[in-house]
Amino acid sequence: MSNQRRPLIAGNWKMNGLAAAAATELKALVNEAKGHSAPNCDILICPPATLVREMATITEGSSVDIGGQDCHANESGAHTGDISAEMLKDAGACYCIVGHSERRADHDESNASVKAKAEAAHRGGLIAIVCVGETLAEREGDKTLDIISDQVRNSLPGGATASNTVIAYEPVWAIGTGKTPTPNDVAVVHAHIRKELGALMNDSDQVRVLYGGSVKGSNAEELMAVENVDGALVGGASLKAVDFWPIVATSI
């Protein structure tokens, strides 16, 4: 982890969470964070859209931020069931995840659509967390770095900077499977991402690159120690404060 870049530990709740139980877990996380008046990392929870406003109210004045899990490319319009970056911002969000592998796979999102959503996040005043990652078949076919290059080059909008964009590397085969790449595997990909960013952005050395994929308390410290890893995007282990806090604690 670089001393130049402030770590970000982000929790993606995915399609999980009803108001009462979610509020209990978030309040527990906020109370843990209060024990560290000036944590050395940013802490983020991305709940379902139904909970963004309530969760933002709970975290107001704390060191925990709230984000969205996706946004539409347009500001408004006839897009039933969708939500815009401006709506997320209005509800209290500061960040928005775009291009998560589950969106790319389940909703056929292309690099072009992810780029449009990242642009929308920037337009709406949100920090875009742009996800990239390879499938198991791509890894076994020795295509990992080619896939990552393609996604980074074609998913980032021209206005991306270190202040409005975060990259999250999530090997698809490691998400929710309990499998994780070796620290060396992670180091190779993160170094490659850093190299690709250097060709796209003037402040690439300041862009935070997170690792995601079966991150949990037992492996977080090892993963966060890898060069060019600036934090984590955490799935299932972020749903309960007792599981998420040990991951946060590796960076505070």
C-alpha atoms as a PDB file:
ATOM      1  CA  MET A   1       0.000   0.000   0.000  1.00  0.00           C
ATOM      2  CA  SER A   2       1.357   3.408  -0.964  1.00  0.00           C
ATOM      3  CA  ASN A   3       1.978   6.106   1.614  1.00  0.00           C
ATOM      4  CA  GLN A   4       1.097   8.615  -1.111  1.00  0.00           C
ATOM      5  CA  ARG A   5      -2.480   7.464  -1.530  1.00  0.00           C
ATOM      6  CA  ARG A   6      -5.115   7.408   1.197  1.00  0.00           C
ATOM      7  CA  PRO A   7      -6.577   3.892   1.407  1.00  0.00           C
ATOM      8  CA  LEU A   8     -10.268   3.302   0.734  1.00  0.00           C
ATOM      9  CA  ILE A   9     -12.072   0.353   2.291  1.00  0.00           C
ATOM     10  CA  ALA A  10     -15.422   0.012   0.556  1.00  0.00           C
ATOM     11  CA  GLY A  11     -18.277  -2.364   1.312  1.00  0.00           C
ATOM     12  CA  ASN A  12     -20.634  -3.408  -1.475  1.00  0.00           C
ATOM     13  CA  TRP A  13     -23.832  -4.768   0.053  1.00  0.00           C
ATOM     14  CA  LYS A  14     -25.184  -5.834  -3.358  1.00  0.00           C
ATOM     15  CA  MET A  15     -28.873  -6.901  -3.197  1.00  0.00           C
ATOM     16  CA  ASN A  16     -28.875  -7.346   0.557  1.00  0.00           C
ATOM     17  CA  GLY A  17     -30.324  -5.286   3.363  1.00  0.00           C
ATOM     18  CA  LEU A  18     -33.669  -4.308   4.861  1.00  0.00           C
ATOM     19  CA  ALA A  19     -33.943  -1.059   6.781  1.00  0.00           C
ATOM     20  CA  ALA A  20     -33.965  -2.184  10.414  1.00  0.00           C
ATOM     21  CA  ALA A  21     -31.163  -4.761  10.277  1.00  0.00           C
ATOM     22  CA  ALA A  22     -29.062  -2.630   7.930  1.00  0.00           C
ATOM     23  CA  ALA A  23     -29.336   0.362  10.242  1.00  0.00           C
ATOM     24  CA  THR A  24     -28.175  -1.758  13.178  1.00  0.00           C
ATOM     25  CA  GLU A  25     -25.076  -2.932  11.308  1.00  0.00           C
ATOM     26  CA  LEU A  26     -24.239   0.525  10.001  1.00  0.00           C
ATOM     27  CA  LYS A  27     -24.597   2.108  13.441  1.00  0.00           C
ATOM     28  CA  ALA A  28     -22.227  -0.528  14.818  1.00  0.00           C
ATOM     29  CA  LEU A  29     -19.711   0.350  12.106  1.00  0.00           C
ATOM     30  CA  VAL A  30     -20.049   4.069  12.807  1.00  0.00           C
ATOM     31  CA  ASN A  31     -19.483   3.429  16.515  1.00  0.00           C
ATOM     32  CA  GLU A  32     -16.313   1.461  15.739  1.00  0.00           C
ATOM     33  CA  ALA A  33     -15.082   4.320  13.559  1.00  0.00           C
ATOM     34  CA  LYS A  34     -15.750   6.836  16.325  1.00  0.00           C
ATOM     35  CA  GLY A  35     -13.024   5.142  18.322  1.00  0.00           C
ATOM     36  CA  HIS A  36     -10.571   6.482  15.754  1.00  0.00           C
ATOM     37  CA  SER A  37     -11.128  10.227  15.532  1.00  0.00           C
ATOM     38  CA  ALA A  38      -8.840  10.560  12.501  1.00  0.00           C
ATOM     39  CA  PRO A  39      -8.673   7.208  10.694  1.00  0.00           C
ATOM     40  CA  ASN A  40      -5.903   6.872   8.125  1.00  0.00           C
ATOM     41  CA  CYS A  41      -8.311   5.535   5.512  1.00  0.00           C
ATOM     42  CA  ASP A  42     -11.656   6.359   3.915  1.00  0.00           C
ATOM     43  CA  ILE A  43     -14.532   4.053   4.831  1.00  0.00           C
ATOM     44  CA  LEU A  44     -17.431   3.503   2.447  1.00  0.00           C
ATOM     45  CA  ILE A  45     -20.631   1.482   2.406  1.00  0.00           C
ATOM     46  CA  CYS A  46     -22.637   1.039  -0.807  1.00  0.00           C
ATOM     47  CA  PRO A  47     -26.094  -0.217   0.192  1.00  0.00           C
ATOM     48  CA  PRO A  48     -29.040  -0.942  -2.114  1.00  0.00           C
ATOM     49  CA  ALA A  49     -30.583   2.224  -3.573  1.00  0.00           C
ATOM     50  CA  THR A  50     -33.591   1.870  -1.268  1.00  0.00           C
ATOM     51  CA  LEU A  51     -31.345   2.496   1.736  1.00  0.00           C
ATOM     52  CA  VAL A  52     -29.021   5.244   0.491  1.00  0.00           C
ATOM     53  CA  ARG A  53     -30.877   8.178   2.045  1.00  0.00           C
ATOM     54  CA  GLU A  54     -31.448   6.463   5.405  1.00  0.00           C
ATOM     55  CA  MET A  55     -27.865   5.228   5.564  1.00  0.00           C
ATOM     56  CA  ALA A  56     -26.525   8.674   4.668  1.00  0.00           C
ATOM     57  CA  THR A  57     -28.531  10.121   7.546  1.00  0.00           C
ATOM     58  CA  ILE A  58     -27.067   7.580   9.960  1.00  0.00           C
ATOM     59  CA  THR A  59     -23.477   8.285   8.867  1.00  0.00           C
ATOM     60  CA  GLU A  60     -23.807  12.083   8.758  1.00  0.00           C
ATOM     61  CA  GLY A  61     -20.931  13.662  10.676  1.00  0.00           C
ATOM     62  CA  SER A  62     -19.023  10.375  10.899  1.00  0.00           C
ATOM     63  CA  SER A  63     -15.987   9.095   8.999  1.00  0.00           C
ATOM     64  CA  VAL A  64     -18.150   6.633   7.048  1.00  0.00           C
ATOM     65  CA  ASP A  65     -19.371   7.609   3.572  1.00  0.00           C
ATOM     66  CA  ILE A  66     -22.261   6.194   1.551  1.00  0.00           C
ATOM     67  CA  GLY A  67     -22.260   5.277  -2.143  1.00  0.00           C
ATOM     68  CA  GLY A  68     -24.469   3.799  -4.835  1.00  0.00           C
ATOM     69  CA  GLN A  69     -23.968   0.456  -6.579  1.00  0.00           C
ATOM     70  CA  ASP A  70     -24.835   1.633 -10.083  1.00  0.00           C
ATOM     71  CA  CYS A  71     -26.264   4.591 -11.988  1.00  0.00           C
ATOM     72  CA  HIS A  72     -27.858   5.296 -15.347  1.00  0.00           C
ATOM     73  CA  ALA A  73     -25.887   7.257 -17.916  1.00  0.00           C
ATOM     74  CA  ASN A  74     -28.619   9.901 -18.203  1.00  0.00           C
ATOM     75  CA  GLU A  75     -29.580  12.537 -15.669  1.00  0.00           C
ATOM     76  CA  SER A  76     -33.300  11.823 -16.029  1.00  0.00           C
ATOM     77  CA  GLY A  77     -35.843  10.470 -18.464  1.00  0.00           C
ATOM     78  CA  ALA A  78     -38.011   7.515 -19.398  1.00  0.00           C
ATOM     79  CA  HIS A  79     -35.858   4.802 -17.847  1.00  0.00           C
ATOM     80  CA  THR A  80     -38.166   2.789 -15.619  1.00  0.00           C
ATOM     81  CA  GLY A  81     -36.417   1.200 -12.671  1.00  0.00           C
ATOM     82  CA  ASP A  82     -33.158   3.086 -13.132  1.00  0.00           C
ATOM     83  CA  ILE A  83     -31.545   5.692 -10.903  1.00  0.00           C
ATOM     84  CA  SER A  84     -29.326   8.602 -11.925  1.00  0.00           C
ATOM     85  CA  ALA A  85     -26.103   9.818 -10.380  1.00  0.00           C
ATOM     86  CA  GLU A  86     -27.882  13.061  -9.516  1.00  0.00           C
ATOM     87  CA  MET A  87     -30.526  11.115  -7.594  1.00  0.00           C
ATOM     88  CA  LEU A  88     -27.848   9.252  -5.660  1.00  0.00           C
ATOM     89  CA  LYS A  89     -26.089  12.511  -4.850  1.00  0.00           C
ATOM     90  CA  ASP A  90     -29.404  14.039  -3.741  1.00  0.00           C
ATOM     91  CA  ALA A  91     -29.956  11.056  -1.436  1.00  0.00           C
ATOM     92  CA  GLY A  92     -26.566  11.586   0.230  1.00  0.00           C
ATOM     93  CA  ALA A  93     -24.175   9.407  -1.757  1.00  0.00           C
ATOM     94  CA  CYS A  94     -20.566  10.420  -2.380  1.00  0.00           C
ATOM     95  CA  TYR A  95     -19.434   7.499  -4.571  1.00  0.00           C
ATOM     96  CA  CYS A  96     -20.914   5.172  -7.176  1.00  0.00           C
ATOM     97  CA  ILE A  97     -19.697   1.738  -8.297  1.00  0.00           C
ATOM     98  CA  VAL A  98     -19.825   1.256 -12.070  1.00  0.00           C
ATOM     99  CA  GLY A  99     -18.945  -1.750 -14.201  1.00  0.00           C
ATOM    100  CA  HIS A 100     -19.014  -4.358 -11.459  1.00  0.00           C
ATOM    101  CA  SER A 101     -18.502  -7.794 -12.986  1.00  0.00           C
ATOM    102  CA  GLU A 102     -22.001  -8.823 -11.922  1.00  0.00           C
ATOM    103  CA  ARG A 103     -23.406  -5.894 -13.923  1.00  0.00           C
ATOM    104  CA  ARG A 104     -21.151  -6.653 -16.881  1.00  0.00           C
ATOM    105  CA  ALA A 105     -22.265 -10.302 -16.860  1.00  0.00           C
ATOM    106  CA  ASP A 106     -25.910 -10.134 -15.738  1.00  0.00           C
ATOM    107  CA  HIS A 107     -26.826  -6.964 -17.647  1.00  0.00           C
ATOM    108  CA  ASP A 108     -24.451  -7.257 -20.603  1.00  0.00           C
ATOM    109  CA  GLU A 109     -22.702  -4.003 -19.738  1.00  0.00           C
ATOM    110  CA  SER A 110     -19.932  -3.151 -22.181  1.00  0.00           C
ATOM    111  CA  ASN A 111     -16.867  -1.015 -21.642  1.00  0.00           C
ATOM    112  CA  ALA A 112     -18.698   1.759 -23.514  1.00  0.00           C
ATOM    113  CA  SER A 113     -21.694   1.671 -21.176  1.00  0.00           C
ATOM    114  CA  VAL A 114     -19.433   1.575 -18.126  1.00  0.00           C
ATOM    115  CA  LYS A 115     -17.586   4.607 -19.481  1.00  0.00           C
ATOM    116  CA  ALA A 116     -20.885   6.442 -19.945  1.00  0.00           C
ATOM    117  CA  LYS A 117     -21.890   5.625 -16.369  1.00  0.00           C
ATOM    118  CA  ALA A 118     -18.544   6.819 -15.030  1.00  0.00           C
ATOM    119  CA  GLU A 119     -19.042  10.071 -16.923  1.00  0.00           C
ATOM    120  CA  ALA A 120     -22.507  10.320 -15.412  1.00  0.00           C
ATOM    121  CA  ALA A 121     -21.104   9.790 -11.912  1.00  0.00           C
ATOM    122  CA  HIS A 122     -18.636  12.613 -12.474  1.00  0.00           C
ATOM    123  CA  ARG A 123     -21.398  14.824 -13.870  1.00  0.00           C
ATOM    124  CA  GLY A 124     -23.487  14.156 -10.787  1.00  0.00           C
ATOM    125  CA  GLY A 125     -20.671  15.011  -8.402  1.00  0.00           C
ATOM    126  CA  LEU A 126     -19.852  11.448  -7.381  1.00  0.00           C
ATOM    127  CA  ILE A 127     -16.546   9.588  -7.272  1.00  0.00           C
ATOM    128  CA  ALA A 128     -16.753   6.684  -9.717  1.00  0.00           C
ATOM    129  CA  ILE A 129     -15.394   3.308  -8.628  1.00  0.00           C
ATOM    130  CA  VAL A 130     -14.699   1.643 -11.980  1.00  0.00           C
ATOM    131  CA  CYS A 131     -14.436  -2.141 -11.741  1.00  0.00           C
ATOM    132  CA  VAL A 132     -12.267  -4.343 -13.954  1.00  0.00           C
ATOM    133  CA  GLY A 133     -11.422  -8.027 -13.830  1.00  0.00           C
ATOM    134  CA  GLU A 134     -10.997 -11.251 -15.759  1.00  0.00           C
ATOM    135  CA  THR A 135     -12.989 -14.483 -15.742  1.00  0.00           C
ATOM    136  CA  LEU A 136     -11.500 -17.860 -14.883  1.00  0.00           C
ATOM    137  CA  ALA A 137     -11.427 -18.856 -18.569  1.00  0.00           C
ATOM    138  CA  GLU A 138      -9.579 -15.665 -19.426  1.00  0.00           C
ATOM    139  CA  ARG A 139      -7.053 -16.236 -16.660  1.00  0.00           C
ATOM    140  CA  GLU A 140      -6.497 -19.852 -17.647  1.00  0.00           C
ATOM    141  CA  GLY A 141      -6.065 -18.676 -21.238  1.00  0.00           C
ATOM    142  CA  ASP A 142      -3.300 -16.304 -20.103  1.00  0.00           C
ATOM    143  CA  LYS A 143      -5.400 -13.311 -21.178  1.00  0.00           C
ATOM    144  CA  THR A 144      -5.613 -11.519 -17.837  1.00  0.00           C
ATOM    145  CA  LEU A 145      -3.436  -8.530 -18.662  1.00  0.00           C
ATOM    146  CA  ASP A 146      -4.974  -8.119 -22.117  1.00  0.00           C
ATOM    147  CA  ILE A 147      -8.475  -8.071 -20.625  1.00  0.00           C
ATOM    148  CA  ILE A 148      -7.438  -5.595 -17.936  1.00  0.00           C
ATOM    149  CA  SER A 149      -5.816  -3.315 -20.514  1.00  0.00           C
ATOM    150  CA  ASP A 150      -8.951  -3.356 -22.659  1.00  0.00           C
ATOM    151  CA  GLN A 151     -11.236  -2.593 -19.718  1.00  0.00           C
ATOM    152  CA  VAL A 152      -9.092   0.183 -18.268  1.00  0.00           C
ATOM    153  CA  ARG A 153      -8.516   1.889 -21.625  1.00  0.00           C
ATOM    154  CA  ASN A 154     -12.153   1.724 -22.696  1.00  0.00           C
ATOM    155  CA  SER A 155     -14.077   2.104 -19.427  1.00  0.00           C
ATOM    156  CA  LEU A 156     -12.484   5.346 -18.224  1.00  0.00           C
ATOM    157  CA  PRO A 157     -13.879   8.667 -19.476  1.00  0.00           C
ATOM    158  CA  GLY A 158     -11.582  11.431 -20.651  1.00  0.00           C
ATOM    159  CA  GLY A 159     -12.289  13.522 -17.569  1.00  0.00           C
ATOM    160  CA  ALA A 160     -11.127  10.865 -15.120  1.00  0.00           C
ATOM    161  CA  THR A 161      -8.730  12.115 -12.443  1.00  0.00           C
ATOM    162  CA  ALA A 162      -7.440  10.865  -9.116  1.00  0.00           C
ATOM    163  CA  SER A 163     -10.012  13.027  -7.347  1.00  0.00           C
ATOM    164  CA  ASN A 164     -13.083  11.670  -9.149  1.00  0.00           C
ATOM    165  CA  THR A 165     -12.115   8.098 -10.028  1.00  0.00           C
ATOM    166  CA  VAL A 166     -11.087   4.919  -8.203  1.00  0.00           C
ATOM    167  CA  ILE A 167     -10.231   1.625  -9.928  1.00  0.00           C
ATOM    168  CA  ALA A 168     -11.240  -1.703  -8.399  1.00  0.00           C
ATOM    169  CA  TYR A 169      -9.608  -4.894  -9.641  1.00  0.00           C
ATOM    170  CA  GLU A 170     -11.902  -7.833  -9.007  1.00  0.00           C
ATOM    171  CA  PRO A 171     -10.933 -11.147 -10.601  1.00  0.00           C
ATOM    172  CA  VAL A 172     -14.375 -12.507 -11.473  1.00  0.00           C
ATOM    173  CA  TRP A 173     -13.426 -16.039 -10.474  1.00  0.00           C
ATOM    174  CA  ALA A 174     -12.591 -14.901  -6.939  1.00  0.00           C
ATOM    175  CA  ILE A 175     -15.826 -13.026  -6.161  1.00  0.00           C
ATOM    176  CA  GLY A 176     -17.803 -14.895  -3.525  1.00  0.00           C
ATOM    177  CA  THR A 177     -15.926 -18.147  -4.128  1.00  0.00           C
ATOM    178  CA  GLY A 178     -13.494 -18.015  -1.247  1.00  0.00           C
ATOM    179  CA  LYS A 179     -10.657 -18.202  -3.772  1.00  0.00           C
ATOM    180  CA  THR A 180      -8.118 -15.402  -3.963  1.00  0.00           C
ATOM    181  CA  PRO A 181      -5.122 -14.784  -6.206  1.00  0.00           C
ATOM    182  CA  THR A 182      -1.711 -15.005  -4.612  1.00  0.00           C
ATOM    183  CA  PRO A 183      -0.218 -11.703  -3.424  1.00  0.00           C
ATOM    184  CA  ASN A 184       2.168 -11.906  -6.372  1.00  0.00           C
ATOM    185  CA  ASP A 185      -0.741 -12.339  -8.804  1.00  0.00           C
ATOM    186  CA  VAL A 186      -2.409  -9.250  -7.325  1.00  0.00           C
ATOM    187  CA  ALA A 187       0.851  -7.278  -7.466  1.00  0.00           C
ATOM    188  CA  VAL A 188       1.316  -8.092 -11.165  1.00  0.00           C
ATOM    189  CA  VAL A 189      -2.185  -6.955 -12.121  1.00  0.00           C
ATOM    190  CA  HIS A 190      -2.128  -3.814  -9.975  1.00  0.00           C
ATOM    191  CA  ALA A 191       1.242  -2.820 -11.422  1.00  0.00           C
ATOM    192  CA  HIS A 192      -0.209  -3.348 -14.895  1.00  0.00           C
ATOM    193  CA  ILE A 193      -3.235  -1.189 -14.060  1.00  0.00           C
ATOM    194  CA  ARG A 194      -0.923   1.529 -12.758  1.00  0.00           C
ATOM    195  CA  LYS A 195       1.030   1.374 -16.031  1.00  0.00           C
ATOM    196  CA  GLU A 196      -2.160   1.655 -18.100  1.00  0.00           C
ATOM    197  CA  LEU A 197      -3.353   4.606 -16.040  1.00  0.00           C
ATOM    198  CA  GLY A 198      -0.049   6.342 -16.689  1.00  0.00           C
ATOM    199  CA  ALA A 199      -0.896   6.491 -20.376  1.00  0.00           C
ATOM    200  CA  LEU A 200      -4.348   7.931 -19.709  1.00  0.00           C
ATOM    201  CA  MET A 201      -4.083  10.373 -16.806  1.00  0.00           C
ATOM    202  CA  ASN A 202      -1.684  13.085 -15.702  1.00  0.00           C
ATOM    203  CA  ASP A 203      -2.150  12.229 -12.026  1.00  0.00           C
ATOM    204  CA  SER A 204      -2.156   8.463 -12.421  1.00  0.00           C
ATOM    205  CA  ASP A 205       0.258   7.982  -9.529  1.00  0.00           C
ATOM    206  CA  GLN A 206      -2.426   9.343  -7.195  1.00  0.00           C
ATOM    207  CA  VAL A 207      -5.308   7.166  -8.415  1.00  0.00           C
ATOM    208  CA  ARG A 208      -6.375   4.601  -5.845  1.00  0.00           C
ATOM    209  CA  VAL A 209      -6.537   1.000  -7.084  1.00  0.00           C
ATOM    210  CA  LEU A 210      -8.525  -1.342  -4.855  1.00  0.00           C
ATOM    211  CA  TYR A 211      -8.492  -5.116  -4.726  1.00  0.00           C
ATOM    212  CA  GLY A 212     -11.761  -7.039  -4.478  1.00  0.00           C
ATOM    213  CA  GLY A 213     -12.632 -10.725  -4.499  1.00  0.00           C
ATOM    214  CA  SER A 214     -13.263 -12.763  -1.341  1.00  0.00           C
ATOM    215  CA  VAL A 215     -11.560 -10.206   0.905  1.00  0.00           C
ATOM    216  CA  LYS A 216     -12.083 -11.052   4.556  1.00  0.00           C
ATOM    217  CA  GLY A 217     -10.528 -10.371   7.918  1.00  0.00           C
ATOM    218  CA  SER A 218      -8.221 -13.373   7.684  1.00  0.00           C
ATOM    219  CA  ASN A 219      -6.544 -12.308   4.410  1.00  0.00           C
ATOM    220  CA  ALA A 220      -7.010  -8.539   4.382  1.00  0.00           C
ATOM    221  CA  GLU A 221      -3.714  -7.633   6.025  1.00  0.00           C
ATOM    222  CA  GLU A 222      -1.714  -9.684   3.512  1.00  0.00           C
ATOM    223  CA  LEU A 223      -3.625  -8.269   0.544  1.00  0.00           C
ATOM    224  CA  MET A 224      -3.458  -4.657   1.751  1.00  0.00           C
ATOM    225  CA  ALA A 225       0.330  -4.987   2.105  1.00  0.00           C
ATOM    226  CA  VAL A 226       0.746  -5.689  -1.622  1.00  0.00           C
ATOM    227  CA  GLU A 227       2.398  -2.900  -3.607  1.00  0.00           C
ATOM    228  CA  ASN A 228      -0.072  -0.698  -5.502  1.00  0.00           C
ATOM    229  CA  VAL A 229      -3.047  -1.996  -3.506  1.00  0.00           C
ATOM    230  CA  ASP A 230      -4.743   1.080  -2.058  1.00  0.00           C
ATOM    231  CA  GLY A 231      -7.655  -0.544  -0.288  1.00  0.00           C
ATOM    232  CA  ALA A 232     -10.414  -3.062  -0.860  1.00  0.00           C
ATOM    233  CA  LEU A 233     -13.849  -3.479  -2.375  1.00  0.00           C
ATOM    234  CA  VAL A 234     -15.518  -5.966  -0.066  1.00  0.00           C
ATOM    235  CA  GLY A 235     -18.686  -7.962  -0.743  1.00  0.00           C
ATOM    236  CA  GLY A 236     -20.174 -10.432   1.719  1.00  0.00           C
ATOM    237  CA  ALA A 237     -17.762  -9.610   4.536  1.00  0.00           C
ATOM    238  CA  SER A 238     -19.073  -6.021   4.585  1.00  0.00           C
ATOM    239  CA  LEU A 239     -22.638  -6.954   5.540  1.00  0.00           C
ATOM    240  CA  LYS A 240     -21.883  -7.218   9.254  1.00  0.00           C
ATOM    241  CA  ALA A 241     -19.789  -4.711  11.167  1.00  0.00           C
ATOM    242  CA  VAL A 242     -18.086  -7.472  13.128  1.00  0.00           C
ATOM    243  CA  ASP A 243     -16.738  -8.916   9.860  1.00  0.00           C
ATOM    244  CA  PHE A 244     -16.054  -5.642   8.053  1.00  0.00           C
ATOM    245  CA  TRP A 245     -14.247  -3.780  10.803  1.00  0.00           C
ATOM    246  CA  PRO A 246     -11.214  -6.122  10.942  1.00  0.00           C
ATOM    247  CA  ILE A 247     -10.687  -5.352   7.228  1.00  0.00           C
ATOM    248  CA  VAL A 248     -10.939  -1.619   7.872  1.00  0.00           C
ATOM    249  CA  ALA A 249      -8.595  -2.002  10.828  1.00  0.00           C
ATOM    250  CA  THR A 250      -5.767  -3.133   8.540  1.00  0.00           C
ATOM    251  CA  SER A 251      -5.622   0.402   7.141  1.00  0.00           C
ATOM    252  CA  ILE A 252      -6.344   2.688  10.072  1.00  0.00           C
END
